[in-house]
Amino acid sequence: MTFAEAEEIIDDDGHGEAEGNPDGMARVYVSPELDGWTLVIGPWCDPCDVERSDDVLRLCRDLSSRYGHAQAYYYGTQGDGSAWLVAEDGVVLRRYCETGEGEDAYMTLGEPLPVERAHREQLGLPAVWDEATESDEDEDEWKWAAFDLAPEIAAALGVSPLKLTADMRAVGTGVIALTPHATEVEPSRLGAGADLVT
């Protein structure tokens, strides 16, 4: 399965347009290994989804215990915001959500990443901040900048699906895989051809 084919399927899932998968949680795209990273893409991986955030945090922590690093991202390409979860060696270093939802601040864990700090300094804001004492103007400026930051953080720490190139070393084949949520829907309704893995 090509990345373009998977992107179309996952985009439909993320917008509730997939037959038999109205919340988009039943399947993900698992990429071939790309420069040492395997990407798992789909709404099921969203680190700031209220219903999934604890599971995604646990999965990243567990995967980082096994592989050294694990990350989860959300990026709404239509101005819906960004979120990132970064774990290393079984420890969550950072979770931050900026999606315009009221619960975003409650999701924050850990200290700002170097990429976050550098971005804030570029904006003329303090590299480390406390939302409770930050001015409304500074808070708004940071929120608008953070809305688009997930792809940049992904590229800085590993691989961003928005910055794939033909020069990347790829090993294996990408597939559409069913998540535990697929048990709630009839798998035959999820289609996706021969590359569907259960």
N, C-alpha and C. Protein backbone atom coordinates (compact mmCIF):
# COMPACT_ATOMS: atom_id res chain seq x y z
N MET A 1 0.85 -1.18 0.00
CA MET A 1 0.00 0.00 0.00
C MET A 1 0.89 1.23 0.00
N THR A 2 0.59 2.17 -0.87
CA THR A 2 1.38 3.39 -0.94
C THR A 2 0.95 4.34 0.18
N PHE A 3 1.82 5.29 0.47
CA PHE A 3 1.50 6.27 1.49
C PHE A 3 0.31 7.11 1.05
N ALA A 4 0.21 7.43 -0.24
CA ALA A 4 -0.91 8.23 -0.75
C ALA A 4 -2.24 7.50 -0.56
N GLU A 5 -2.25 6.18 -0.83
CA GLU A 5 -3.47 5.39 -0.62
C GLU A 5 -3.86 5.38 0.86
N ALA A 6 -2.87 5.18 1.71
CA ALA A 6 -3.13 5.15 3.15
C ALA A 6 -3.61 6.50 3.64
N GLU A 7 -3.01 7.57 3.11
CA GLU A 7 -3.41 8.92 3.52
C GLU A 7 -4.88 9.17 3.24
N GLU A 8 -5.35 8.71 2.09
CA GLU A 8 -6.76 8.89 1.74
C GLU A 8 -7.67 8.13 2.70
N ILE A 9 -7.31 6.89 3.02
CA ILE A 9 -8.10 6.08 3.94
C ILE A 9 -8.13 6.70 5.33
N ILE A 10 -6.97 7.09 5.84
CA ILE A 10 -6.88 7.64 7.20
C ILE A 10 -7.55 9.01 7.26
N ASP A 11 -7.45 9.79 6.18
CA ASP A 11 -8.14 11.09 6.14
C ASP A 11 -9.65 10.89 6.21
N ASP A 12 -10.17 9.93 5.46
CA ASP A 12 -11.60 9.61 5.54
C ASP A 12 -11.98 9.19 6.96
N ASP A 13 -11.14 8.34 7.56
CA ASP A 13 -11.40 7.90 8.94
C ASP A 13 -11.44 9.09 9.90
N GLY A 14 -10.48 9.99 9.75
CA GLY A 14 -10.37 11.13 10.66
C GLY A 14 -11.51 12.12 10.54
N HIS A 15 -12.22 12.08 9.42
CA HIS A 15 -13.34 13.00 9.21
C HIS A 15 -14.69 12.29 9.27
N GLY A 16 -14.68 11.06 9.81
CA GLY A 16 -15.93 10.33 9.99
C GLY A 16 -16.61 9.94 8.70
N GLU A 17 -15.83 9.85 7.61
CA GLU A 17 -16.42 9.55 6.31
C GLU A 17 -16.29 8.09 5.91
N ALA A 18 -15.65 7.25 6.76
CA ALA A 18 -15.42 5.86 6.39
C ALA A 18 -16.61 4.99 6.81
N GLU A 19 -17.11 4.22 5.89
CA GLU A 19 -18.22 3.32 6.18
C GLU A 19 -17.78 2.30 7.22
N GLY A 20 -18.58 2.14 8.25
CA GLY A 20 -18.28 1.17 9.29
C GLY A 20 -17.25 1.63 10.29
N ASN A 21 -16.75 2.85 10.17
CA ASN A 21 -15.72 3.37 11.07
C ASN A 21 -16.02 4.84 11.38
N PRO A 22 -17.18 5.14 11.93
CA PRO A 22 -17.60 6.54 12.07
C PRO A 22 -16.73 7.39 12.98
N ASP A 23 -16.07 6.79 13.98
CA ASP A 23 -15.22 7.61 14.84
C ASP A 23 -13.75 7.55 14.43
N GLY A 24 -13.44 6.78 13.38
CA GLY A 24 -12.08 6.72 12.85
C GLY A 24 -11.11 5.92 13.68
N MET A 25 -11.58 5.27 14.72
CA MET A 25 -10.68 4.59 15.65
C MET A 25 -10.39 3.13 15.31
N ALA A 26 -11.03 2.59 14.28
CA ALA A 26 -10.94 1.15 14.02
C ALA A 26 -9.69 0.72 13.25
N ARG A 27 -9.00 1.66 12.60
CA ARG A 27 -7.82 1.25 11.84
C ARG A 27 -6.77 2.36 11.80
N VAL A 28 -5.55 1.92 11.54
CA VAL A 28 -4.40 2.82 11.44
C VAL A 28 -3.56 2.38 10.25
N TYR A 29 -2.72 3.27 9.79
CA TYR A 29 -1.71 2.92 8.79
C TYR A 29 -0.41 2.69 9.53
N VAL A 30 0.22 1.56 9.25
CA VAL A 30 1.54 1.24 9.81
C VAL A 30 2.52 1.30 8.64
N SER A 31 3.43 2.25 8.70
CA SER A 31 4.34 2.49 7.58
C SER A 31 5.44 1.42 7.54
N PRO A 32 6.14 1.35 6.41
CA PRO A 32 7.39 0.59 6.43
C PRO A 32 8.35 1.34 7.35
N GLU A 33 9.44 0.71 7.72
CA GLU A 33 10.44 1.42 8.53
C GLU A 33 11.05 2.53 7.66
N LEU A 34 11.04 3.75 8.18
CA LEU A 34 11.55 4.92 7.46
C LEU A 34 12.68 5.55 8.26
N ASP A 35 13.89 5.43 7.75
CA ASP A 35 15.07 5.95 8.47
C ASP A 35 15.08 5.51 9.93
N GLY A 36 14.70 4.25 10.17
CA GLY A 36 14.74 3.69 11.52
C GLY A 36 13.47 3.88 12.33
N TRP A 37 12.47 4.56 11.79
CA TRP A 37 11.22 4.82 12.51
C TRP A 37 10.06 4.11 11.81
N THR A 38 9.12 3.61 12.58
CA THR A 38 7.88 3.07 12.04
C THR A 38 6.77 4.02 12.46
N LEU A 39 6.03 4.54 11.50
CA LEU A 39 4.95 5.48 11.78
C LEU A 39 3.63 4.72 11.87
N VAL A 40 2.85 5.02 12.87
CA VAL A 40 1.50 4.48 13.01
C VAL A 40 0.58 5.70 12.97
N ILE A 41 -0.25 5.78 11.93
CA ILE A 41 -0.99 7.00 11.65
C ILE A 41 -2.49 6.74 11.66
N GLY A 42 -3.21 7.57 12.39
CA GLY A 42 -4.67 7.51 12.42
C GLY A 42 -5.19 8.15 13.69
N PRO A 43 -6.47 8.47 13.73
CA PRO A 43 -7.06 9.11 14.91
C PRO A 43 -6.86 8.32 16.20
N TRP A 44 -6.72 7.00 16.10
CA TRP A 44 -6.52 6.16 17.28
C TRP A 44 -5.25 6.54 18.04
N CYS A 45 -4.30 7.20 17.38
CA CYS A 45 -3.00 7.55 17.99
C CYS A 45 -2.98 8.96 18.59
N ASP A 46 -4.07 9.66 18.58
CA ASP A 46 -4.14 11.06 19.01
C ASP A 46 -3.82 11.19 20.50
N PRO A 47 -2.73 11.89 20.86
CA PRO A 47 -2.35 12.00 22.28
C PRO A 47 -3.22 12.95 23.08
N CYS A 48 -4.10 13.72 22.43
CA CYS A 48 -4.94 14.66 23.19
C CYS A 48 -6.42 14.33 23.11
N ASP A 49 -6.76 13.21 22.48
CA ASP A 49 -8.15 12.78 22.47
C ASP A 49 -8.55 12.40 23.89
N VAL A 50 -9.61 13.00 24.40
CA VAL A 50 -10.00 12.82 25.80
C VAL A 50 -10.20 11.35 26.14
N GLU A 51 -10.80 10.59 25.23
CA GLU A 51 -11.07 9.18 25.51
C GLU A 51 -9.84 8.30 25.35
N ARG A 52 -8.86 8.69 24.53
CA ARG A 52 -7.71 7.84 24.23
C ARG A 52 -6.41 8.30 24.88
N SER A 53 -6.36 9.49 25.45
CA SER A 53 -5.09 10.06 25.88
C SER A 53 -4.34 9.18 26.88
N ASP A 54 -5.03 8.58 27.83
CA ASP A 54 -4.34 7.72 28.81
C ASP A 54 -3.75 6.48 28.15
N ASP A 55 -4.51 5.87 27.22
CA ASP A 55 -4.00 4.69 26.50
C ASP A 55 -2.81 5.04 25.62
N VAL A 56 -2.88 6.16 24.92
CA VAL A 56 -1.79 6.57 24.05
C VAL A 56 -0.55 6.86 24.89
N LEU A 57 -0.73 7.50 26.03
CA LEU A 57 0.40 7.77 26.92
C LEU A 57 1.04 6.45 27.38
N ARG A 58 0.22 5.50 27.80
CA ARG A 58 0.73 4.20 28.25
C ARG A 58 1.46 3.48 27.13
N LEU A 59 0.89 3.49 25.93
CA LEU A 59 1.52 2.82 24.79
C LEU A 59 2.88 3.45 24.46
N CYS A 60 2.95 4.77 24.44
CA CYS A 60 4.22 5.44 24.15
C CYS A 60 5.26 5.14 25.23
N ARG A 61 4.83 5.15 26.47
CA ARG A 61 5.75 4.84 27.56
C ARG A 61 6.27 3.41 27.41
N ASP A 62 5.36 2.46 27.15
CA ASP A 62 5.76 1.06 27.01
C ASP A 62 6.64 0.84 25.78
N LEU A 63 6.27 1.43 24.65
CA LEU A 63 7.08 1.28 23.44
C LEU A 63 8.46 1.88 23.62
N SER A 64 8.55 3.02 24.32
CA SER A 64 9.86 3.63 24.53
C SER A 64 10.72 2.78 25.47
N SER A 65 10.08 2.05 26.39
CA SER A 65 10.85 1.12 27.24
C SER A 65 11.49 0.04 26.39
N ARG A 66 10.78 -0.37 25.37
CA ARG A 66 11.27 -1.46 24.51
C ARG A 66 12.23 -0.97 23.42
N TYR A 67 11.91 0.18 22.80
CA TYR A 67 12.67 0.63 21.64
C TYR A 67 13.53 1.88 21.89
N GLY A 68 13.42 2.47 23.06
CA GLY A 68 14.20 3.67 23.38
C GLY A 68 13.44 4.97 23.20
N HIS A 69 12.66 5.07 22.12
CA HIS A 69 11.91 6.29 21.83
C HIS A 69 10.54 5.93 21.30
N ALA A 70 9.54 6.71 21.65
CA ALA A 70 8.20 6.60 21.07
C ALA A 70 7.54 7.97 21.16
N GLN A 71 6.80 8.31 20.14
CA GLN A 71 6.14 9.61 20.09
C GLN A 71 4.76 9.47 19.49
N ALA A 72 3.87 10.37 19.87
CA ALA A 72 2.53 10.43 19.28
C ALA A 72 2.24 11.89 18.98
N TYR A 73 1.58 12.11 17.86
CA TYR A 73 1.29 13.48 17.42
C TYR A 73 -0.15 13.59 16.93
N TYR A 74 -0.66 14.79 17.04
CA TYR A 74 -1.91 15.17 16.38
C TYR A 74 -1.59 16.44 15.61
N TYR A 75 -2.04 16.50 14.36
CA TYR A 75 -1.90 17.73 13.59
C TYR A 75 -3.12 17.88 12.72
N GLY A 76 -3.89 18.92 12.97
CA GLY A 76 -5.07 19.22 12.15
C GLY A 76 -4.65 20.14 11.03
N THR A 77 -4.56 19.61 9.84
CA THR A 77 -4.04 20.39 8.70
C THR A 77 -4.95 21.54 8.29
N GLN A 78 -6.14 21.61 8.86
CA GLN A 78 -7.05 22.71 8.52
C GLN A 78 -7.20 23.67 9.69
N GLY A 79 -6.09 23.90 10.41
CA GLY A 79 -6.11 24.83 11.53
C GLY A 79 -6.74 24.27 12.79
N ASP A 80 -6.73 22.94 12.92
CA ASP A 80 -7.35 22.31 14.09
C ASP A 80 -6.39 22.14 15.26
N GLY A 81 -5.15 22.57 15.10
CA GLY A 81 -4.21 22.51 16.21
C GLY A 81 -3.20 21.39 16.11
N SER A 82 -2.41 21.27 17.19
CA SER A 82 -1.33 20.30 17.28
C SER A 82 -1.25 19.73 18.68
N ALA A 83 -0.67 18.54 18.77
CA ALA A 83 -0.37 17.94 20.07
C ALA A 83 0.82 17.02 19.89
N TRP A 84 1.59 16.85 20.96
CA TRP A 84 2.73 15.95 20.89
C TRP A 84 2.92 15.27 22.24
N LEU A 85 3.39 14.04 22.14
CA LEU A 85 3.71 13.22 23.30
C LEU A 85 5.04 12.56 22.99
N VAL A 86 6.03 12.79 23.84
CA VAL A 86 7.38 12.29 23.60
C VAL A 86 7.81 11.48 24.82
N ALA A 87 8.20 10.22 24.57
CA ALA A 87 8.66 9.35 25.65
C ALA A 87 10.02 8.76 25.26
N GLU A 88 10.88 8.60 26.27
CA GLU A 88 12.19 7.98 26.07
C GLU A 88 12.46 7.05 27.23
N ASP A 89 12.92 5.86 26.90
CA ASP A 89 13.33 4.87 27.90
C ASP A 89 12.28 4.68 29.00
N GLY A 90 11.02 4.63 28.61
CA GLY A 90 9.94 4.36 29.55
C GLY A 90 9.44 5.55 30.34
N VAL A 91 9.94 6.74 30.02
CA VAL A 91 9.55 7.95 30.74
C VAL A 91 8.94 8.96 29.77
N VAL A 92 7.77 9.50 30.13
CA VAL A 92 7.17 10.54 29.31
C VAL A 92 7.89 11.85 29.60
N LEU A 93 8.53 12.39 28.57
CA LEU A 93 9.24 13.66 28.72
C LEU A 93 8.31 14.85 28.56
N ARG A 94 7.32 14.71 27.66
CA ARG A 94 6.48 15.86 27.38
C ARG A 94 5.18 15.42 26.71
N ARG A 95 4.09 16.01 27.14
CA ARG A 95 2.82 15.97 26.40
C ARG A 95 2.28 17.38 26.42
N TYR A 96 1.93 17.86 25.25
CA TYR A 96 1.40 19.22 25.13
C TYR A 96 0.35 19.24 24.03
N CYS A 97 -0.77 19.87 24.31
CA CYS A 97 -1.87 19.96 23.34
C CYS A 97 -2.26 21.42 23.16
N GLU A 98 -2.42 21.80 21.92
CA GLU A 98 -2.90 23.14 21.60
C GLU A 98 -3.89 23.00 20.45
N THR A 99 -5.14 22.70 20.82
CA THR A 99 -6.17 22.44 19.82
C THR A 99 -7.37 23.36 19.95
N GLY A 100 -7.30 24.29 20.92
CA GLY A 100 -8.42 25.19 21.13
C GLY A 100 -9.50 24.61 22.03
N GLU A 101 -9.28 23.41 22.53
CA GLU A 101 -10.23 22.77 23.44
C GLU A 101 -9.94 23.19 24.88
N GLY A 102 -10.95 23.26 25.70
CA GLY A 102 -10.79 23.68 27.09
C GLY A 102 -9.92 22.77 27.92
N GLU A 103 -9.82 21.48 27.52
CA GLU A 103 -9.04 20.51 28.30
C GLU A 103 -7.55 20.53 27.97
N ASP A 104 -7.14 21.31 26.98
CA ASP A 104 -5.74 21.29 26.54
C ASP A 104 -4.75 21.47 27.69
N ALA A 105 -4.98 22.45 28.54
CA ALA A 105 -4.03 22.75 29.62
C ALA A 105 -3.90 21.57 30.59
N TYR A 106 -4.98 20.80 30.77
CA TYR A 106 -4.93 19.67 31.69
C TYR A 106 -4.11 18.51 31.13
N MET A 107 -3.84 18.51 29.85
CA MET A 107 -3.07 17.44 29.22
C MET A 107 -1.57 17.64 29.36
N THR A 108 -1.13 18.84 29.68
CA THR A 108 0.30 19.15 29.69
C THR A 108 1.04 18.36 30.76
N LEU A 109 2.12 17.72 30.31
CA LEU A 109 3.03 17.00 31.20
C LEU A 109 4.46 17.34 30.82
N GLY A 110 5.35 17.39 31.80
CA GLY A 110 6.77 17.57 31.53
C GLY A 110 7.15 19.00 31.19
N GLU A 111 8.44 19.15 30.94
CA GLU A 111 9.01 20.46 30.62
C GLU A 111 9.02 20.68 29.11
N PRO A 112 8.98 21.94 28.67
CA PRO A 112 9.01 22.23 27.23
C PRO A 112 10.24 21.61 26.55
N LEU A 113 10.03 21.10 25.36
CA LEU A 113 11.10 20.51 24.57
C LEU A 113 11.98 21.63 24.00
N PRO A 114 13.23 21.32 23.64
CA PRO A 114 14.09 22.35 23.03
C PRO A 114 13.46 23.03 21.82
N VAL A 115 12.71 22.30 21.01
CA VAL A 115 12.06 22.92 19.85
C VAL A 115 11.01 23.94 20.31
N GLU A 116 10.26 23.60 21.35
CA GLU A 116 9.27 24.55 21.88
C GLU A 116 9.96 25.80 22.40
N ARG A 117 11.02 25.60 23.17
CA ARG A 117 11.75 26.74 23.74
C ARG A 117 12.30 27.65 22.65
N ALA A 118 12.90 27.04 21.63
CA ALA A 118 13.46 27.84 20.53
C ALA A 118 12.37 28.63 19.82
N HIS A 119 11.22 28.02 19.63
CA HIS A 119 10.11 28.72 18.97
C HIS A 119 9.64 29.91 19.80
N ARG A 120 9.53 29.69 21.09
CA ARG A 120 9.10 30.79 21.96
C ARG A 120 10.12 31.93 21.93
N GLU A 121 11.40 31.59 21.95
CA GLU A 121 12.42 32.64 21.90
C GLU A 121 12.34 33.41 20.58
N GLN A 122 12.07 32.71 19.47
CA GLN A 122 11.90 33.39 18.17
C GLN A 122 10.74 34.37 18.21
N LEU A 123 9.73 34.07 19.00
CA LEU A 123 8.57 34.95 19.14
C LEU A 123 8.81 36.08 20.15
N GLY A 124 9.97 36.06 20.81
CA GLY A 124 10.26 37.05 21.84
C GLY A 124 9.61 36.73 23.17
N LEU A 125 9.24 35.46 23.37
CA LEU A 125 8.59 35.02 24.61
C LEU A 125 9.60 34.26 25.46
N PRO A 126 9.37 34.20 26.78
CA PRO A 126 10.28 33.41 27.63
C PRO A 126 10.27 31.95 27.19
N ALA A 127 11.45 31.31 27.20
CA ALA A 127 11.57 29.92 26.77
C ALA A 127 10.80 28.97 27.68
N VAL A 128 10.75 29.27 28.96
CA VAL A 128 9.99 28.48 29.93
C VAL A 128 8.91 29.39 30.49
N TRP A 129 7.71 28.88 30.63
CA TRP A 129 6.60 29.73 31.03
C TRP A 129 5.65 29.02 31.95
N ASP A 130 4.82 29.82 32.60
CA ASP A 130 3.76 29.31 33.45
C ASP A 130 2.47 29.91 32.92
N GLU A 131 1.57 29.06 32.44
CA GLU A 131 0.33 29.56 31.84
C GLU A 131 -0.48 30.41 32.80
N ALA A 132 -0.34 30.13 34.10
CA ALA A 132 -1.12 30.87 35.09
C ALA A 132 -0.67 32.32 35.21
N THR A 133 0.60 32.60 34.89
CA THR A 133 1.11 33.97 35.05
C THR A 133 1.41 34.66 33.72
N GLU A 134 1.26 33.95 32.61
CA GLU A 134 1.55 34.54 31.30
C GLU A 134 0.44 35.51 30.91
N SER A 135 0.81 36.62 30.28
CA SER A 135 -0.19 37.60 29.85
C SER A 135 -1.08 36.98 28.78
N ASP A 136 -2.29 37.50 28.65
CA ASP A 136 -3.22 37.00 27.64
C ASP A 136 -2.64 37.15 26.24
N GLU A 137 -1.96 38.25 25.99
CA GLU A 137 -1.36 38.50 24.68
C GLU A 137 -0.27 37.47 24.35
N ASP A 138 0.62 37.22 25.32
CA ASP A 138 1.68 36.22 25.13
C ASP A 138 1.09 34.82 24.98
N GLU A 139 0.08 34.52 25.77
CA GLU A 139 -0.57 33.21 25.69
C GLU A 139 -1.19 32.99 24.31
N ASP A 140 -1.88 34.01 23.79
CA ASP A 140 -2.48 33.91 22.47
C ASP A 140 -1.43 33.75 21.38
N GLU A 141 -0.33 34.50 21.48
CA GLU A 141 0.73 34.41 20.47
C GLU A 141 1.32 33.00 20.44
N TRP A 142 1.56 32.43 21.63
CA TRP A 142 2.11 31.08 21.70
C TRP A 142 1.09 30.05 21.19
N LYS A 143 -0.16 30.19 21.57
CA LYS A 143 -1.17 29.22 21.12
C LYS A 143 -1.26 29.19 19.60
N TRP A 144 -1.24 30.34 18.95
CA TRP A 144 -1.32 30.36 17.49
C TRP A 144 -0.09 29.73 16.87
N ALA A 145 1.08 29.95 17.45
CA ALA A 145 2.30 29.34 16.92
C ALA A 145 2.29 27.82 17.15
N ALA A 146 1.84 27.40 18.33
CA ALA A 146 1.83 25.98 18.68
C ALA A 146 0.81 25.19 17.87
N PHE A 147 -0.20 25.86 17.34
CA PHE A 147 -1.21 25.18 16.53
C PHE A 147 -0.59 24.43 15.35
N ASP A 148 0.55 24.90 14.85
CA ASP A 148 1.19 24.30 13.67
C ASP A 148 2.52 23.63 13.99
N LEU A 149 2.82 23.39 15.24
CA LEU A 149 4.17 22.96 15.63
C LEU A 149 4.42 21.46 15.58
N ALA A 150 3.40 20.63 15.63
CA ALA A 150 3.61 19.17 15.69
C ALA A 150 4.49 18.64 14.56
N PRO A 151 4.26 19.00 13.29
CA PRO A 151 5.12 18.45 12.24
C PRO A 151 6.60 18.83 12.41
N GLU A 152 6.85 20.04 12.88
CA GLU A 152 8.23 20.48 13.09
C GLU A 152 8.89 19.68 14.22
N ILE A 153 8.15 19.45 15.29
CA ILE A 153 8.69 18.66 16.40
C ILE A 153 8.95 17.23 15.94
N ALA A 154 8.01 16.65 15.19
CA ALA A 154 8.20 15.29 14.68
C ALA A 154 9.46 15.20 13.82
N ALA A 155 9.68 16.18 12.95
CA ALA A 155 10.86 16.17 12.09
C ALA A 155 12.14 16.35 12.90
N ALA A 156 12.10 17.18 13.93
CA ALA A 156 13.28 17.42 14.75
C ALA A 156 13.67 16.20 15.59
N LEU A 157 12.66 15.42 16.01
CA LEU A 157 12.93 14.30 16.91
C LEU A 157 12.94 12.94 16.21
N GLY A 158 12.51 12.89 14.97
CA GLY A 158 12.44 11.61 14.27
C GLY A 158 12.09 11.82 12.82
N VAL A 159 10.88 11.40 12.45
CA VAL A 159 10.40 11.51 11.07
C VAL A 159 9.00 12.10 11.09
N SER A 160 8.78 13.11 10.26
CA SER A 160 7.45 13.68 10.10
C SER A 160 6.81 13.13 8.83
N PRO A 161 5.57 12.63 8.92
CA PRO A 161 4.93 12.13 7.70
C PRO A 161 4.70 13.23 6.66
N LEU A 162 4.83 14.49 7.06
CA LEU A 162 4.66 15.59 6.11
C LEU A 162 5.96 15.94 5.41
N LYS A 163 7.05 15.29 5.81
CA LYS A 163 8.35 15.60 5.21
C LYS A 163 9.06 14.36 4.70
N LEU A 164 8.30 13.41 4.16
CA LEU A 164 8.89 12.20 3.61
C LEU A 164 9.53 12.52 2.26
N THR A 165 10.70 11.91 2.01
CA THR A 165 11.39 12.13 0.75
C THR A 165 11.79 10.79 0.14
N ALA A 166 12.10 10.82 -1.14
CA ALA A 166 12.55 9.61 -1.84
C ALA A 166 13.91 9.15 -1.33
N ASP A 167 14.66 10.04 -0.67
CA ASP A 167 15.98 9.70 -0.15
C ASP A 167 15.94 8.90 1.15
N MET A 168 14.78 8.83 1.79
CA MET A 168 14.67 8.10 3.06
C MET A 168 14.82 6.60 2.81
N ARG A 169 15.53 5.96 3.74
CA ARG A 169 15.69 4.51 3.67
C ARG A 169 14.39 3.87 4.14
N ALA A 170 13.77 3.08 3.26
CA ALA A 170 12.51 2.40 3.60
C ALA A 170 12.74 0.90 3.57
N VAL A 171 12.28 0.23 4.64
CA VAL A 171 12.39 -1.22 4.74
C VAL A 171 11.01 -1.77 5.05
N GLY A 172 10.52 -2.70 4.21
CA GLY A 172 9.22 -3.30 4.46
C GLY A 172 8.11 -2.67 3.64
N THR A 173 6.90 -2.98 4.06
CA THR A 173 5.70 -2.54 3.34
C THR A 173 4.71 -1.91 4.31
N GLY A 174 4.07 -0.85 3.90
CA GLY A 174 3.04 -0.24 4.72
C GLY A 174 1.74 -1.02 4.61
N VAL A 175 0.98 -1.06 5.71
CA VAL A 175 -0.30 -1.77 5.75
C VAL A 175 -1.32 -0.97 6.54
N ILE A 176 -2.59 -1.26 6.28
CA ILE A 176 -3.67 -0.77 7.13
C ILE A 176 -3.91 -1.87 8.17
N ALA A 177 -3.90 -1.51 9.44
CA ALA A 177 -4.08 -2.48 10.52
C ALA A 177 -5.31 -2.12 11.35
N LEU A 178 -5.97 -3.14 11.86
CA LEU A 178 -7.12 -2.92 12.73
C LEU A 178 -6.65 -2.69 14.16
N THR A 179 -7.31 -1.77 14.84
CA THR A 179 -7.03 -1.49 16.24
C THR A 179 -8.01 -2.29 17.11
N PRO A 180 -7.84 -2.27 18.43
CA PRO A 180 -8.83 -2.94 19.29
C PRO A 180 -10.25 -2.40 19.11
N HIS A 181 -10.39 -1.16 18.63
CA HIS A 181 -11.72 -0.58 18.38
C HIS A 181 -12.44 -1.28 17.24
N ALA A 182 -11.72 -2.00 16.41
CA ALA A 182 -12.34 -2.67 15.27
C ALA A 182 -13.27 -3.78 15.72
N THR A 183 -13.14 -4.25 16.94
CA THR A 183 -14.04 -5.30 17.43
C THR A 183 -15.45 -4.76 17.58
N GLU A 184 -15.59 -3.43 17.62
CA GLU A 184 -16.90 -2.81 17.76
C GLU A 184 -17.63 -2.68 16.43
N VAL A 185 -16.89 -2.92 15.32
CA VAL A 185 -17.48 -2.85 13.99
C VAL A 185 -17.18 -4.15 13.25
N GLU A 186 -17.97 -4.44 12.29
CA GLU A 186 -17.77 -5.64 11.49
C GLU A 186 -16.56 -5.41 10.58
N PRO A 187 -15.45 -6.18 10.75
CA PRO A 187 -14.23 -5.94 9.96
C PRO A 187 -14.48 -5.91 8.46
N SER A 188 -15.44 -6.67 7.94
CA SER A 188 -15.70 -6.67 6.50
C SER A 188 -16.17 -5.30 6.02
N ARG A 189 -16.71 -4.49 6.90
CA ARG A 189 -17.19 -3.15 6.52
C ARG A 189 -16.03 -2.15 6.44
N LEU A 190 -14.84 -2.55 6.92
CA LEU A 190 -13.71 -1.63 6.96
C LEU A 190 -12.88 -1.68 5.68
N GLY A 191 -13.14 -2.63 4.81
CA GLY A 191 -12.46 -2.71 3.51
C GLY A 191 -11.01 -2.33 3.54
N ALA A 192 -10.37 -1.95 2.53
CA ALA A 192 -9.00 -1.47 2.42
C ALA A 192 -8.16 -2.46 1.65
N GLY A 193 -8.78 -3.46 1.07
CA GLY A 193 -8.06 -4.32 0.16
C GLY A 193 -7.19 -5.36 0.84
N ALA A 194 -6.24 -5.87 0.08
CA ALA A 194 -5.41 -6.98 0.52
C ALA A 194 -4.41 -6.60 1.58
N ASP A 195 -4.19 -5.32 1.79
CA ASP A 195 -3.18 -4.90 2.75
C ASP A 195 -3.75 -4.72 4.16
N LEU A 196 -4.94 -5.20 4.42
CA LEU A 196 -5.55 -5.08 5.74
C LEU A 196 -5.00 -6.16 6.66
N VAL A 197 -4.48 -5.73 7.81
CA VAL A 197 -3.89 -6.66 8.78
C VAL A 197 -4.76 -6.67 10.03
N THR A 198 -5.07 -7.86 10.53
CA THR A 198 -5.86 -7.95 11.75
C THR A 198 -5.05 -8.59 12.85
